[in-house]
Amino acid sequence: RFSGPTIHFVDEHYDTGRILAQRVVPVLANDTAEELAAREHQLYVEVAEALCEDRIVWRKDGVPLIQSKANPNETY
């Protein structure tokens, strides 16, 4: 089983803003809701840092990529 967050900009409609990042997070057998949420919420920290540090770049097709802190030539 899997879950996962989608981080996006906010616009005038519900859940329609431009997507910044998504991640698949496994639901472990003994997970509590809090444990799963903590793993999902890690993406918020990564995206907030990347936004503040201007490390989000956009491919020509509109897909966002986050540049690595250690090596700006690496993206994920």
PDB file of N, CA and C in Angstrom:
ATOM      1  N   ARG A   1       0.836  -1.176   0.000  1.00  0.00           N
ATOM      2  CA  ARG A   1       0.000   0.000   0.000  1.00  0.00           C
ATOM      3  C   ARG A   1       0.879   1.236   0.000  1.00  0.00           C
ATOM      4  N   PHE A   2       0.323   2.269  -0.612  1.00  0.00           N
ATOM      5  CA  PHE A   2       1.075   3.507  -0.748  1.00  0.00           C
ATOM      6  C   PHE A   2       0.183   4.706  -0.486  1.00  0.00           C
ATOM      7  N   SER A   3       0.814   5.773  -0.099  1.00  0.00           N
ATOM      8  CA  SER A   3       0.171   7.069   0.069  1.00  0.00           C
ATOM      9  C   SER A   3       1.146   8.088  -0.499  1.00  0.00           C
ATOM     10  N   GLY A   4       0.869   9.349  -0.310  1.00  0.00           N
ATOM     11  CA  GLY A   4       1.852  10.326  -0.738  1.00  0.00           C
ATOM     12  C   GLY A   4       1.302  11.728  -0.858  1.00  0.00           C
ATOM     13  N   PRO A   5       2.193  12.692  -0.653  1.00  0.00           N
ATOM     14  CA  PRO A   5       1.808  14.095  -0.745  1.00  0.00           C
ATOM     15  C   PRO A   5       2.001  14.662  -2.146  1.00  0.00           C
ATOM     16  N   THR A   6       1.228  15.672  -2.447  1.00  0.00           N
ATOM     17  CA  THR A   6       1.437  16.517  -3.622  1.00  0.00           C
ATOM     18  C   THR A   6       1.547  17.944  -3.100  1.00  0.00           C
ATOM     19  N   ILE A   7       2.638  18.608  -3.436  1.00  0.00           N
ATOM     20  CA  ILE A   7       2.853  19.993  -3.035  1.00  0.00           C
ATOM     21  C   ILE A   7       2.600  20.856  -4.262  1.00  0.00           C
ATOM     22  N   HIS A   8       1.727  21.850  -4.125  1.00  0.00           N
ATOM     23  CA  HIS A   8       1.418  22.696  -5.282  1.00  0.00           C
ATOM     24  C   HIS A   8       1.171  24.133  -4.851  1.00  0.00           C
ATOM     25  N   PHE A   9       1.313  25.028  -5.826  1.00  0.00           N
ATOM     26  CA  PHE A   9       0.945  26.418  -5.581  1.00  0.00           C
ATOM     27  C   PHE A   9      -0.558  26.496  -5.375  1.00  0.00           C
ATOM     28  N   VAL A  10      -1.007  27.517  -4.677  1.00  0.00           N
ATOM     29  CA  VAL A  10      -2.430  27.740  -4.442  1.00  0.00           C
ATOM     30  C   VAL A  10      -2.936  28.746  -5.463  1.00  0.00           C
ATOM     31  N   ASP A  11      -4.083  28.453  -6.045  1.00  0.00           N
ATOM     32  CA  ASP A  11      -4.734  29.404  -6.942  1.00  0.00           C
ATOM     33  C   ASP A  11      -6.184  29.574  -6.494  1.00  0.00           C
ATOM     34  N   GLU A  12      -7.012  30.123  -7.350  1.00  0.00           N
ATOM     35  CA  GLU A  12      -8.391  30.428  -6.945  1.00  0.00           C
ATOM     36  C   GLU A  12      -9.299  29.205  -6.878  1.00  0.00           C
ATOM     37  N   HIS A  13      -8.822  28.039  -7.316  1.00  0.00           N
ATOM     38  CA  HIS A  13      -9.634  26.818  -7.298  1.00  0.00           C
ATOM     39  C   HIS A  13      -9.030  25.798  -6.337  1.00  0.00           C
ATOM     40  N   TYR A  14      -9.817  24.806  -5.980  1.00  0.00           N
ATOM     41  CA  TYR A  14      -9.376  23.782  -5.037  1.00  0.00           C
ATOM     42  C   TYR A  14      -8.470  22.764  -5.720  1.00  0.00           C
ATOM     43  N   ASP A  15      -7.250  22.608  -5.215  1.00  0.00           N
ATOM     44  CA  ASP A  15      -6.288  21.605  -5.696  1.00  0.00           C
ATOM     45  C   ASP A  15      -5.989  21.692  -7.190  1.00  0.00           C
ATOM     46  N   THR A  16      -5.889  22.885  -7.726  1.00  0.00           N
ATOM     47  CA  THR A  16      -5.591  23.022  -9.160  1.00  0.00           C
ATOM     48  C   THR A  16      -4.317  23.808  -9.429  1.00  0.00           C
ATOM     49  N   GLY A  17      -3.625  24.241  -8.382  1.00  0.00           N
ATOM     50  CA  GLY A  17      -2.395  25.014  -8.574  1.00  0.00           C
ATOM     51  C   GLY A  17      -1.288  24.180  -9.205  1.00  0.00           C
ATOM     52  N   ARG A  18      -0.326  24.862  -9.777  1.00  0.00           N
ATOM     53  CA  ARG A  18       0.802  24.205 -10.441  1.00  0.00           C
ATOM     54  C   ARG A  18       1.564  23.323  -9.445  1.00  0.00           C
ATOM     55  N   ILE A  19       1.776  22.060  -9.814  1.00  0.00           N
ATOM     56  CA  ILE A  19       2.431  21.096  -8.936  1.00  0.00           C
ATOM     57  C   ILE A  19       3.923  21.385  -8.854  1.00  0.00           C
ATOM     58  N   LEU A  20       4.438  21.352  -7.629  1.00  0.00           N
ATOM     59  CA  LEU A  20       5.867  21.530  -7.372  1.00  0.00           C
ATOM     60  C   LEU A  20       6.567  20.199  -7.131  1.00  0.00           C
ATOM     61  N   ALA A  21       5.911  19.278  -6.442  1.00  0.00           N
ATOM     62  CA  ALA A  21       6.542  17.996  -6.133  1.00  0.00           C
ATOM     63  C   ALA A  21       5.490  16.985  -5.699  1.00  0.00           C
ATOM     64  N   GLN A  22       5.796  15.718  -5.965  1.00  0.00           N
ATOM     65  CA  GLN A  22       4.975  14.603  -5.504  1.00  0.00           C
ATOM     66  C   GLN A  22       5.913  13.495  -5.051  1.00  0.00           C
ATOM     67  N   ARG A  23       5.433  12.667  -4.152  1.00  0.00           N
ATOM     68  CA  ARG A  23       6.255  11.553  -3.683  1.00  0.00           C
ATOM     69  C   ARG A  23       5.355  10.388  -3.299  1.00  0.00           C
ATOM     70  N   VAL A  24       5.792   9.185  -3.619  1.00  0.00           N
ATOM     71  CA  VAL A  24       5.122   7.967  -3.183  1.00  0.00           C
ATOM     72  C   VAL A  24       5.732   7.572  -1.845  1.00  0.00           C
ATOM     73  N   VAL A  25       4.873   7.323  -0.862  1.00  0.00           N
ATOM     74  CA  VAL A  25       5.319   6.951   0.480  1.00  0.00           C
ATOM     75  C   VAL A  25       4.660   5.619   0.830  1.00  0.00           C
ATOM     76  N   PRO A  26       5.464   4.603   1.166  1.00  0.00           N
ATOM     77  CA  PRO A  26       4.862   3.317   1.520  1.00  0.00           C
ATOM     78  C   PRO A  26       4.115   3.392   2.847  1.00  0.00           C
ATOM     79  N   VAL A  27       3.007   2.680   2.920  1.00  0.00           N
ATOM     80  CA  VAL A  27       2.269   2.524   4.176  1.00  0.00           C
ATOM     81  C   VAL A  27       2.774   1.223   4.791  1.00  0.00           C
ATOM     82  N   LEU A  28       3.472   1.333   5.901  1.00  0.00           N
ATOM     83  CA  LEU A  28       4.056   0.163   6.551  1.00  0.00           C
ATOM     84  C   LEU A  28       3.013  -0.551   7.407  1.00  0.00           C
ATOM     85  N   ALA A  29       3.222  -1.839   7.616  1.00  0.00           N
ATOM     86  CA  ALA A  29       2.232  -2.680   8.295  1.00  0.00           C
ATOM     87  C   ALA A  29       1.821  -2.145   9.663  1.00  0.00           C
ATOM     88  N   ASN A  30       2.764  -1.630  10.418  1.00  0.00           N
ATOM     89  CA  ASN A  30       2.459  -1.176  11.781  1.00  0.00           C
ATOM     90  C   ASN A  30       2.386   0.336  11.908  1.00  0.00           C
ATOM     91  N   ASP A  31       2.248   1.034  10.798  1.00  0.00           N
ATOM     92  CA  ASP A  31       2.191   2.494  10.823  1.00  0.00           C
ATOM     93  C   ASP A  31       1.011   3.015  11.626  1.00  0.00           C
ATOM     94  N   THR A  32       1.273   4.067  12.359  1.00  0.00           N
ATOM     95  CA  THR A  32       0.173   4.860  12.905  1.00  0.00           C
ATOM     96  C   THR A  32      -0.063   6.002  11.912  1.00  0.00           C
ATOM     97  N   ALA A  33      -1.176   6.657  12.046  1.00  0.00           N
ATOM     98  CA  ALA A  33      -1.457   7.808  11.169  1.00  0.00           C
ATOM     99  C   ALA A  33      -0.377   8.868  11.334  1.00  0.00           C
ATOM    100  N   GLU A  34       0.091   9.039  12.556  1.00  0.00           N
ATOM    101  CA  GLU A  34       1.110  10.052  12.833  1.00  0.00           C
ATOM    102  C   GLU A  34       2.443   9.710  12.175  1.00  0.00           C
ATOM    103  N   GLU A  35       2.825   8.436  12.200  1.00  0.00           N
ATOM    104  CA  GLU A  35       4.091   8.017  11.578  1.00  0.00           C
ATOM    105  C   GLU A  35       4.051   8.204  10.063  1.00  0.00           C
ATOM    106  N   LEU A  36       2.949   7.806   9.456  1.00  0.00           N
ATOM    107  CA  LEU A  36       2.802   7.981   8.011  1.00  0.00           C
ATOM    108  C   LEU A  36       2.817   9.465   7.658  1.00  0.00           C
ATOM    109  N   ALA A  37       2.087  10.258   8.403  1.00  0.00           N
ATOM    110  CA  ALA A  37       2.044  11.702   8.137  1.00  0.00           C
ATOM    111  C   ALA A  37       3.428  12.321   8.264  1.00  0.00           C
ATOM    112  N   ALA A  38       4.206  11.891   9.240  1.00  0.00           N
ATOM    113  CA  ALA A  38       5.556  12.443   9.423  1.00  0.00           C
ATOM    114  C   ALA A  38       6.424  12.162   8.201  1.00  0.00           C
ATOM    115  N   ARG A  39       6.331  10.953   7.645  1.00  0.00           N
ATOM    116  CA  ARG A  39       7.115  10.633   6.441  1.00  0.00           C
ATOM    117  C   ARG A  39       6.622  11.443   5.242  1.00  0.00           C
ATOM    118  N   GLU A  40       5.316  11.594   5.121  1.00  0.00           N
ATOM    119  CA  GLU A  40       4.770  12.386   4.018  1.00  0.00           C
ATOM    120  C   GLU A  40       5.187  13.850   4.131  1.00  0.00           C
ATOM    121  N   HIS A  41       5.187  14.372   5.335  1.00  0.00           N
ATOM    122  CA  HIS A  41       5.453  15.798   5.540  1.00  0.00           C
ATOM    123  C   HIS A  41       6.904  16.185   5.303  1.00  0.00           C
ATOM    124  N   GLN A  42       7.810  15.221   5.205  1.00  0.00           N
ATOM    125  CA  GLN A  42       9.204  15.532   4.889  1.00  0.00           C
ATOM    126  C   GLN A  42       9.313  16.266   3.560  1.00  0.00           C
ATOM    127  N   LEU A  43       8.431  15.947   2.620  1.00  0.00           N
ATOM    128  CA  LEU A  43       8.474  16.603   1.315  1.00  0.00           C
ATOM    129  C   LEU A  43       8.191  18.099   1.446  1.00  0.00           C
ATOM    130  N   TYR A  44       7.314  18.485   2.360  1.00  0.00           N
ATOM    131  CA  TYR A  44       7.030  19.908   2.566  1.00  0.00           C
ATOM    132  C   TYR A  44       8.298  20.667   2.951  1.00  0.00           C
ATOM    133  N   VAL A  45       9.091  20.073   3.830  1.00  0.00           N
ATOM    134  CA  VAL A  45      10.338  20.704   4.267  1.00  0.00           C
ATOM    135  C   VAL A  45      11.288  20.856   3.083  1.00  0.00           C
ATOM    136  N   GLU A  46      11.442  19.791   2.299  1.00  0.00           N
ATOM    137  CA  GLU A  46      12.347  19.835   1.147  1.00  0.00           C
ATOM    138  C   GLU A  46      11.926  20.903   0.137  1.00  0.00           C
ATOM    139  N   VAL A  47      10.636  20.976  -0.149  1.00  0.00           N
ATOM    140  CA  VAL A  47      10.145  21.943  -1.136  1.00  0.00           C
ATOM    141  C   VAL A  47      10.252  23.368  -0.596  1.00  0.00           C
ATOM    142  N   ALA A  48       9.920  23.577   0.671  1.00  0.00           N
ATOM    143  CA  ALA A  48      10.037  24.920   1.257  1.00  0.00           C
ATOM    144  C   ALA A  48      11.483  25.400   1.219  1.00  0.00           C
ATOM    145  N   GLU A  49      12.416  24.525   1.573  1.00  0.00           N
ATOM    146  CA  GLU A  49      13.835  24.892   1.505  1.00  0.00           C
ATOM    147  C   GLU A  49      14.245  25.214   0.075  1.00  0.00           C
ATOM    148  N   ALA A  50      13.831  24.376  -0.860  1.00  0.00           N
ATOM    149  CA  ALA A  50      14.194  24.588  -2.266  1.00  0.00           C
ATOM    150  C   ALA A  50      13.625  25.904  -2.786  1.00  0.00           C
ATOM    151  N   LEU A  51      12.399  26.235  -2.409  1.00  0.00           N
ATOM    152  CA  LEU A  51      11.810  27.513  -2.821  1.00  0.00           C
ATOM    153  C   LEU A  51      12.593  28.687  -2.245  1.00  0.00           C
ATOM    154  N   CYS A  52      12.896  28.620  -0.956  1.00  0.00           N
ATOM    155  CA  CYS A  52      13.624  29.716  -0.302  1.00  0.00           C
ATOM    156  C   CYS A  52      15.035  29.880  -0.855  1.00  0.00           C
ATOM    157  N   GLU A  53      15.628  28.786  -1.296  1.00  0.00           N
ATOM    158  CA  GLU A  53      16.999  28.811  -1.807  1.00  0.00           C
ATOM    159  C   GLU A  53      17.051  28.896  -3.333  1.00  0.00           C
ATOM    160  N   ASP A  54      15.893  29.095  -3.962  1.00  0.00           N
ATOM    161  CA  ASP A  54      15.804  29.228  -5.423  1.00  0.00           C
ATOM    162  C   ASP A  54      16.413  28.020  -6.143  1.00  0.00           C
ATOM    163  N   ARG A  55      16.071  26.808  -5.653  1.00  0.00           N
ATOM    164  CA  ARG A  55      16.596  25.583  -6.245  1.00  0.00           C
ATOM    165  C   ARG A  55      15.553  24.795  -7.026  1.00  0.00           C
ATOM    166  N   ILE A  56      14.436  25.416  -7.361  1.00  0.00           N
ATOM    167  CA  ILE A  56      13.455  24.748  -8.213  1.00  0.00           C
ATOM    168  C   ILE A  56      13.633  25.273  -9.624  1.00  0.00           C
ATOM    169  N   VAL A  57      13.832  24.350 -10.550  1.00  0.00           N
ATOM    170  CA  VAL A  57      13.964  24.701 -11.965  1.00  0.00           C
ATOM    171  C   VAL A  57      12.848  23.990 -12.721  1.00  0.00           C
ATOM    172  N   TRP A  58      12.479  24.557 -13.854  1.00  0.00           N
ATOM    173  CA  TRP A  58      11.365  24.013 -14.629  1.00  0.00           C
ATOM    174  C   TRP A  58      11.881  23.496 -15.962  1.00  0.00           C
ATOM    175  N   ARG A  59      11.551  22.239 -16.260  1.00  0.00           N
ATOM    176  CA  ARG A  59      11.878  21.702 -17.581  1.00  0.00           C
ATOM    177  C   ARG A  59      11.024  22.409 -18.625  1.00  0.00           C
ATOM    178  N   LYS A  60      11.410  22.272 -19.885  1.00  0.00           N
ATOM    179  CA  LYS A  60      10.662  22.914 -20.972  1.00  0.00           C
ATOM    180  C   LYS A  60       9.221  22.438 -21.034  1.00  0.00           C
ATOM    181  N   ASP A  61       8.972  21.205 -20.586  1.00  0.00           N
ATOM    182  CA  ASP A  61       7.604  20.677 -20.613  1.00  0.00           C
ATOM    183  C   ASP A  61       6.807  21.043 -19.356  1.00  0.00           C
ATOM    184  N   GLY A  62       7.379  21.893 -18.498  1.00  0.00           N
ATOM    185  CA  GLY A  62       6.661  22.378 -17.326  1.00  0.00           C
ATOM    186  C   GLY A  62       6.832  21.557 -16.064  1.00  0.00           C
ATOM    187  N   VAL A  63       7.611  20.491 -16.126  1.00  0.00           N
ATOM    188  CA  VAL A  63       7.827  19.649 -14.948  1.00  0.00           C
ATOM    189  C   VAL A  63       8.866  20.305 -14.032  1.00  0.00           C
ATOM    190  N   PRO A  64       8.544  20.446 -12.740  1.00  0.00           N
ATOM    191  CA  PRO A  64       9.507  21.053 -11.818  1.00  0.00           C
ATOM    192  C   PRO A  64      10.556  20.037 -11.374  1.00  0.00           C
ATOM    193  N   LEU A  65      11.767  20.513 -11.197  1.00  0.00           N
ATOM    194  CA  LEU A  65      12.858  19.696 -10.671  1.00  0.00           C
ATOM    195  C   LEU A  65      13.507  20.460  -9.526  1.00  0.00           C
ATOM    196  N   ILE A  66      13.902  19.748  -8.495  1.00  0.00           N
ATOM    197  CA  ILE A  66      14.588  20.368  -7.369  1.00  0.00           C
ATOM    198  C   ILE A  66      16.077  20.086  -7.507  1.00  0.00           C
ATOM    199  N   GLN A  67      16.866  21.148  -7.480  1.00  0.00           N
ATOM    200  CA  GLN A  67      18.313  20.990  -7.559  1.00  0.00           C
ATOM    201  C   GLN A  67      18.857  20.526  -6.213  1.00  0.00           C
ATOM    202  N   SER A  68      19.815  19.623  -6.272  1.00  0.00           N
ATOM    203  CA  SER A  68      20.486  19.135  -5.073  1.00  0.00           C
ATOM    204  C   SER A  68      21.242  20.272  -4.396  1.00  0.00           C
ATOM    205  N   LYS A  69      21.245  20.273  -3.066  1.00  0.00           N
ATOM    206  CA  LYS A  69      22.041  21.263  -2.332  1.00  0.00           C
ATOM    207  C   LYS A  69      23.528  21.025  -2.574  1.00  0.00           C
ATOM    208  N   ALA A  70      23.930  19.765  -2.555  1.00  0.00           N
ATOM    209  CA  ALA A  70      25.343  19.414  -2.669  1.00  0.00           C
ATOM    210  C   ALA A  70      25.887  19.624  -4.077  1.00  0.00           C
ATOM    211  N   ASN A  71      25.055  19.333  -5.086  1.00  0.00           N
ATOM    212  CA  ASN A  71      25.498  19.451  -6.472  1.00  0.00           C
ATOM    213  C   ASN A  71      24.368  20.047  -7.306  1.00  0.00           C
ATOM    214  N   PRO A  72      24.425  21.330  -7.615  1.00  0.00           N
ATOM    215  CA  PRO A  72      23.348  21.987  -8.364  1.00  0.00           C
ATOM    216  C   PRO A  72      23.085  21.384  -9.744  1.00  0.00           C
ATOM    217  N   ASN A  73      24.018  20.575 -10.255  1.00  0.00           N
ATOM    218  CA  ASN A  73      23.800  19.916 -11.545  1.00  0.00           C
ATOM    219  C   ASN A  73      22.926  18.679 -11.415  1.00  0.00           C
ATOM    220  N   GLU A  74      22.680  18.219 -10.195  1.00  0.00           N
ATOM    221  CA  GLU A  74      21.806  17.074  -9.945  1.00  0.00           C
ATOM    222  C   GLU A  74      20.418  17.574  -9.564  1.00  0.00           C
ATOM    223  N   THR A  75      19.406  16.940 -10.145  1.00  0.00           N
ATOM    224  CA  THR A  75      18.022  17.291  -9.818  1.00  0.00           C
ATOM    225  C   THR A  75      17.239  16.026  -9.495  1.00  0.00           C
ATOM    226  N   TYR A  76      16.140  16.214  -8.808  1.00  0.00           N
ATOM    227  CA  TYR A  76      15.225  15.097  -8.518  1.00  0.00           C
ATOM    228  C   TYR A  76      13.808  15.586  -8.525  1.00  0.00           C
TER     229      TYR A  76
END
